[in-house]
Amino acid sequence: MGRVRGTLASAIEGRIGNLIFYKVDGVTYVRSAPGKQSKAKNGIKGK
């Protein structure tokens, strides 16, 4: 997770490509989106 500083980056919120921008207490953070999940073959979720 990274913290974004600057006026342009503080205006960004949401998803761009595989990056997710979000705000917590007025501070903008960026993280990568999780990878795709595959379904279990038998339909039961693993531990």
PDB file of N, CA and C in Angstrom:
ATOM      1  N   MET A   1       0.849  -1.167   0.000  1.00  0.00           N
ATOM      2  CA  MET A   1       0.000   0.000   0.000  1.00  0.00           C
ATOM      3  C   MET A   1       0.892   1.225   0.000  1.00  0.00           C
ATOM      4  N   GLY A   2       0.516   2.208  -0.756  1.00  0.00           N
ATOM      5  CA  GLY A   2       1.277   3.446  -0.803  1.00  0.00           C
ATOM      6  C   GLY A   2       0.405   4.628  -0.441  1.00  0.00           C
ATOM      7  N   ARG A   3       1.048   5.691   0.018  1.00  0.00           N
ATOM      8  CA  ARG A   3       0.323   6.920   0.329  1.00  0.00           C
ATOM      9  C   ARG A   3       0.653   7.924  -0.759  1.00  0.00           C
ATOM     10  N   VAL A   4      -0.352   8.625  -1.245  1.00  0.00           N
ATOM     11  CA  VAL A   4      -0.180   9.562  -2.345  1.00  0.00           C
ATOM     12  C   VAL A   4      -0.158  10.979  -1.808  1.00  0.00           C
ATOM     13  N   ARG A   5       0.823  11.759  -2.261  1.00  0.00           N
ATOM     14  CA  ARG A   5       0.904  13.165  -1.875  1.00  0.00           C
ATOM     15  C   ARG A   5       0.849  14.006  -3.136  1.00  0.00           C
ATOM     16  N   GLY A   6       0.243  15.156  -3.059  1.00  0.00           N
ATOM     17  CA  GLY A   6       0.163  16.041  -4.213  1.00  0.00           C
ATOM     18  C   GLY A   6      -1.268  16.393  -4.540  1.00  0.00           C
ATOM     19  N   THR A   7      -1.443  17.503  -5.221  1.00  0.00           N
ATOM     20  CA  THR A   7      -2.794  17.986  -5.495  1.00  0.00           C
ATOM     21  C   THR A   7      -3.518  17.170  -6.554  1.00  0.00           C
ATOM     22  N   LEU A   8      -2.829  16.763  -7.611  1.00  0.00           N
ATOM     23  CA  LEU A   8      -3.484  15.987  -8.658  1.00  0.00           C
ATOM     24  C   LEU A   8      -3.903  14.616  -8.131  1.00  0.00           C
ATOM     25  N   ALA A   9      -3.028  13.959  -7.403  1.00  0.00           N
ATOM     26  CA  ALA A   9      -3.332  12.621  -6.895  1.00  0.00           C
ATOM     27  C   ALA A   9      -4.439  12.657  -5.849  1.00  0.00           C
ATOM     28  N   SER A  10      -4.581  13.751  -5.126  1.00  0.00           N
ATOM     29  CA  SER A  10      -5.622  13.820  -4.105  1.00  0.00           C
ATOM     30  C   SER A  10      -7.011  13.929  -4.733  1.00  0.00           C
ATOM     31  N   ALA A  11      -7.085  14.283  -6.017  1.00  0.00           N
ATOM     32  CA  ALA A  11      -8.367  14.377  -6.706  1.00  0.00           C
ATOM     33  C   ALA A  11      -8.811  13.026  -7.260  1.00  0.00           C
ATOM     34  N   ILE A  12      -7.926  12.035  -7.267  1.00  0.00           N
ATOM     35  CA  ILE A  12      -8.240  10.719  -7.830  1.00  0.00           C
ATOM     36  C   ILE A  12      -8.856   9.845  -6.751  1.00  0.00           C
ATOM     37  N   GLU A  13      -9.935   9.181  -7.111  1.00  0.00           N
ATOM     38  CA  GLU A  13     -10.544   8.213  -6.207  1.00  0.00           C
ATOM     39  C   GLU A  13     -11.224   7.156  -7.070  1.00  0.00           C
ATOM     40  N   GLY A  14     -11.022   5.887  -6.743  1.00  0.00           N
ATOM     41  CA  GLY A  14     -11.609   4.801  -7.527  1.00  0.00           C
ATOM     42  C   GLY A  14     -10.545   3.923  -8.138  1.00  0.00           C
ATOM     43  N   ARG A  15     -10.891   3.298  -9.253  1.00  0.00           N
ATOM     44  CA  ARG A  15     -10.010   2.304  -9.863  1.00  0.00           C
ATOM     45  C   ARG A  15      -9.499   2.792 -11.213  1.00  0.00           C
ATOM     46  N   ILE A  16      -8.196   2.650 -11.415  1.00  0.00           N
ATOM     47  CA  ILE A  16      -7.566   2.939 -12.697  1.00  0.00           C
ATOM     48  C   ILE A  16      -6.674   1.746 -13.010  1.00  0.00           C
ATOM     49  N   GLY A  17      -7.063   0.967 -14.015  1.00  0.00           N
ATOM     50  CA  GLY A  17      -6.311  -0.246 -14.338  1.00  0.00           C
ATOM     51  C   GLY A  17      -6.365  -1.215 -13.172  1.00  0.00           C
ATOM     52  N   ASN A  18      -5.190  -1.639 -12.697  1.00  0.00           N
ATOM     53  CA  ASN A  18      -5.170  -2.550 -11.550  1.00  0.00           C
ATOM     54  C   ASN A  18      -4.828  -1.802 -10.260  1.00  0.00           C
ATOM     55  N   LEU A  19      -4.936  -0.473 -10.257  1.00  0.00           N
ATOM     56  CA  LEU A  19      -4.688   0.332  -9.067  1.00  0.00           C
ATOM     57  C   LEU A  19      -6.002   0.839  -8.491  1.00  0.00           C
ATOM     58  N   ILE A  20      -6.110   0.823  -7.168  1.00  0.00           N
ATOM     59  CA  ILE A  20      -7.293   1.315  -6.484  1.00  0.00           C
ATOM     60  C   ILE A  20      -6.862   2.481  -5.593  1.00  0.00           C
ATOM     61  N   PHE A  21      -7.459   3.651  -5.828  1.00  0.00           N
ATOM     62  CA  PHE A  21      -7.190   4.844  -5.032  1.00  0.00           C
ATOM     63  C   PHE A  21      -8.346   5.030  -4.068  1.00  0.00           C
ATOM     64  N   TYR A  22      -8.037   5.289  -2.796  1.00  0.00           N
ATOM     65  CA  TYR A  22      -9.086   5.502  -1.805  1.00  0.00           C
ATOM     66  C   TYR A  22      -8.597   6.470  -0.745  1.00  0.00           C
ATOM     67  N   LYS A  23      -9.538   7.093  -0.025  1.00  0.00           N
ATOM     68  CA  LYS A  23      -9.210   8.084   0.995  1.00  0.00           C
ATOM     69  C   LYS A  23      -9.611   7.587   2.366  1.00  0.00           C
ATOM     70  N   VAL A  24      -8.743   7.854   3.350  1.00  0.00           N
ATOM     71  CA  VAL A  24      -9.022   7.572   4.748  1.00  0.00           C
ATOM     72  C   VAL A  24      -8.627   8.816   5.527  1.00  0.00           C
ATOM     73  N   ASP A  25      -9.581   9.432   6.203  1.00  0.00           N
ATOM     74  CA  ASP A  25      -9.341  10.650   6.978  1.00  0.00           C
ATOM     75  C   ASP A  25      -8.657  11.733   6.147  1.00  0.00           C
ATOM     76  N   GLY A  26      -9.051  11.888   4.891  1.00  0.00           N
ATOM     77  CA  GLY A  26      -8.516  12.929   4.028  1.00  0.00           C
ATOM     78  C   GLY A  26      -7.182  12.615   3.383  1.00  0.00           C
ATOM     79  N   VAL A  27      -6.598  11.448   3.655  1.00  0.00           N
ATOM     80  CA  VAL A  27      -5.324  11.048   3.057  1.00  0.00           C
ATOM     81  C   VAL A  27      -5.619  10.033   1.961  1.00  0.00           C
ATOM     82  N   THR A  28      -5.053  10.252   0.769  1.00  0.00           N
ATOM     83  CA  THR A  28      -5.272   9.357  -0.363  1.00  0.00           C
ATOM     84  C   THR A  28      -4.248   8.232  -0.341  1.00  0.00           C
ATOM     85  N   TYR A  29      -4.734   7.000  -0.495  1.00  0.00           N
ATOM     86  CA  TYR A  29      -3.874   5.815  -0.539  1.00  0.00           C
ATOM     87  C   TYR A  29      -4.116   5.100  -1.852  1.00  0.00           C
ATOM     88  N   VAL A  30      -3.136   4.309  -2.272  1.00  0.00           N
ATOM     89  CA  VAL A  30      -3.269   3.521  -3.491  1.00  0.00           C
ATOM     90  C   VAL A  30      -2.790   2.101  -3.210  1.00  0.00           C
ATOM     91  N   ARG A  31      -3.506   1.133  -3.764  1.00  0.00           N
ATOM     92  CA  ARG A  31      -3.098  -0.271  -3.633  1.00  0.00           C
ATOM     93  C   ARG A  31      -3.418  -0.970  -4.931  1.00  0.00           C
ATOM     94  N   SER A  32      -2.834  -2.134  -5.113  1.00  0.00           N
ATOM     95  CA  SER A  32      -3.123  -2.895  -6.326  1.00  0.00           C
ATOM     96  C   SER A  32      -4.388  -3.719  -6.105  1.00  0.00           C
ATOM     97  N   ALA A  33      -5.112  -3.935  -7.172  1.00  0.00           N
ATOM     98  CA  ALA A  33      -6.331  -4.731  -7.111  1.00  0.00           C
ATOM     99  C   ALA A  33      -5.961  -6.193  -6.899  1.00  0.00           C
ATOM    100  N   PRO A  34      -6.806  -6.931  -6.187  1.00  0.00           N
ATOM    101  CA  PRO A  34      -6.516  -8.359  -6.008  1.00  0.00           C
ATOM    102  C   PRO A  34      -6.588  -9.109  -7.331  1.00  0.00           C
ATOM    103  N   GLY A  35      -5.881 -10.229  -7.401  1.00  0.00           N
ATOM    104  CA  GLY A  35      -5.902 -11.055  -8.604  1.00  0.00           C
ATOM    105  C   GLY A  35      -7.238 -11.748  -8.763  1.00  0.00           C
ATOM    106  N   LYS A  36      -7.454 -12.330  -9.910  1.00  0.00           N
ATOM    107  CA  LYS A  36      -8.719 -13.024 -10.154  1.00  0.00           C
ATOM    108  C   LYS A  36      -8.783 -14.304  -9.344  1.00  0.00           C
ATOM    109  N   GLN A  37      -9.966 -14.622  -8.861  1.00  0.00           N
ATOM    110  CA  GLN A  37     -10.206 -15.828  -8.086  1.00  0.00           C
ATOM    111  C   GLN A  37     -10.745 -16.910  -9.004  1.00  0.00           C
ATOM    112  N   SER A  38     -10.316 -18.132  -8.771  1.00  0.00           N
ATOM    113  CA  SER A  38     -10.855 -19.250  -9.544  1.00  0.00           C
ATOM    114  C   SER A  38     -11.816 -20.036  -8.673  1.00  0.00           C
ATOM    115  N   LYS A  39     -12.837 -20.591  -9.283  1.00  0.00           N
ATOM    116  CA  LYS A  39     -13.821 -21.378  -8.546  1.00  0.00           C
ATOM    117  C   LYS A  39     -13.273 -22.776  -8.300  1.00  0.00           C
ATOM    118  N   ALA A  40     -13.646 -23.337  -7.159  1.00  0.00           N
ATOM    119  CA  ALA A  40     -13.241 -24.707  -6.852  1.00  0.00           C
ATOM    120  C   ALA A  40     -13.982 -25.658  -7.789  1.00  0.00           C
ATOM    121  N   LYS A  41     -13.349 -26.734  -8.172  1.00  0.00           N
ATOM    122  CA  LYS A  41     -13.938 -27.673  -9.134  1.00  0.00           C
ATOM    123  C   LYS A  41     -15.196 -28.344  -8.574  1.00  0.00           C
ATOM    124  N   ASN A  42     -15.204 -28.627  -7.260  1.00  0.00           N
ATOM    125  CA  ASN A  42     -16.351 -29.310  -6.677  1.00  0.00           C
ATOM    126  C   ASN A  42     -17.361 -28.343  -6.085  1.00  0.00           C
ATOM    127  N   GLY A  43     -17.138 -27.031  -6.214  1.00  0.00           N
ATOM    128  CA  GLY A  43     -18.094 -26.041  -5.729  1.00  0.00           C
ATOM    129  C   GLY A  43     -17.980 -25.740  -4.245  1.00  0.00           C
ATOM    130  N   ILE A  44     -17.051 -26.387  -3.546  1.00  0.00           N
ATOM    131  CA  ILE A  44     -16.865 -26.155  -2.122  1.00  0.00           C
ATOM    132  C   ILE A  44     -15.649 -25.256  -1.938  1.00  0.00           C
ATOM    133  N   LYS A  45     -15.811 -24.211  -1.118  1.00  0.00           N
ATOM    134  CA  LYS A  45     -14.686 -23.301  -0.877  1.00  0.00           C
ATOM    135  C   LYS A  45     -13.668 -23.981   0.035  1.00  0.00           C
ATOM    136  N   GLY A  46     -12.412 -23.801  -0.289  1.00  0.00           N
ATOM    137  CA  GLY A  46     -11.341 -24.364   0.532  1.00  0.00           C
ATOM    138  C   GLY A  46     -11.032 -23.470   1.711  1.00  0.00           C
ATOM    139  N   LYS A  47     -10.202 -23.982   2.595  1.00  0.00           N
ATOM    140  CA  LYS A  47      -9.831 -23.191   3.780  1.00  0.00           C
ATOM    141  C   LYS A  47      -8.738 -22.227   3.468  1.00  0.00           C
TER     142      LYS A  47
END
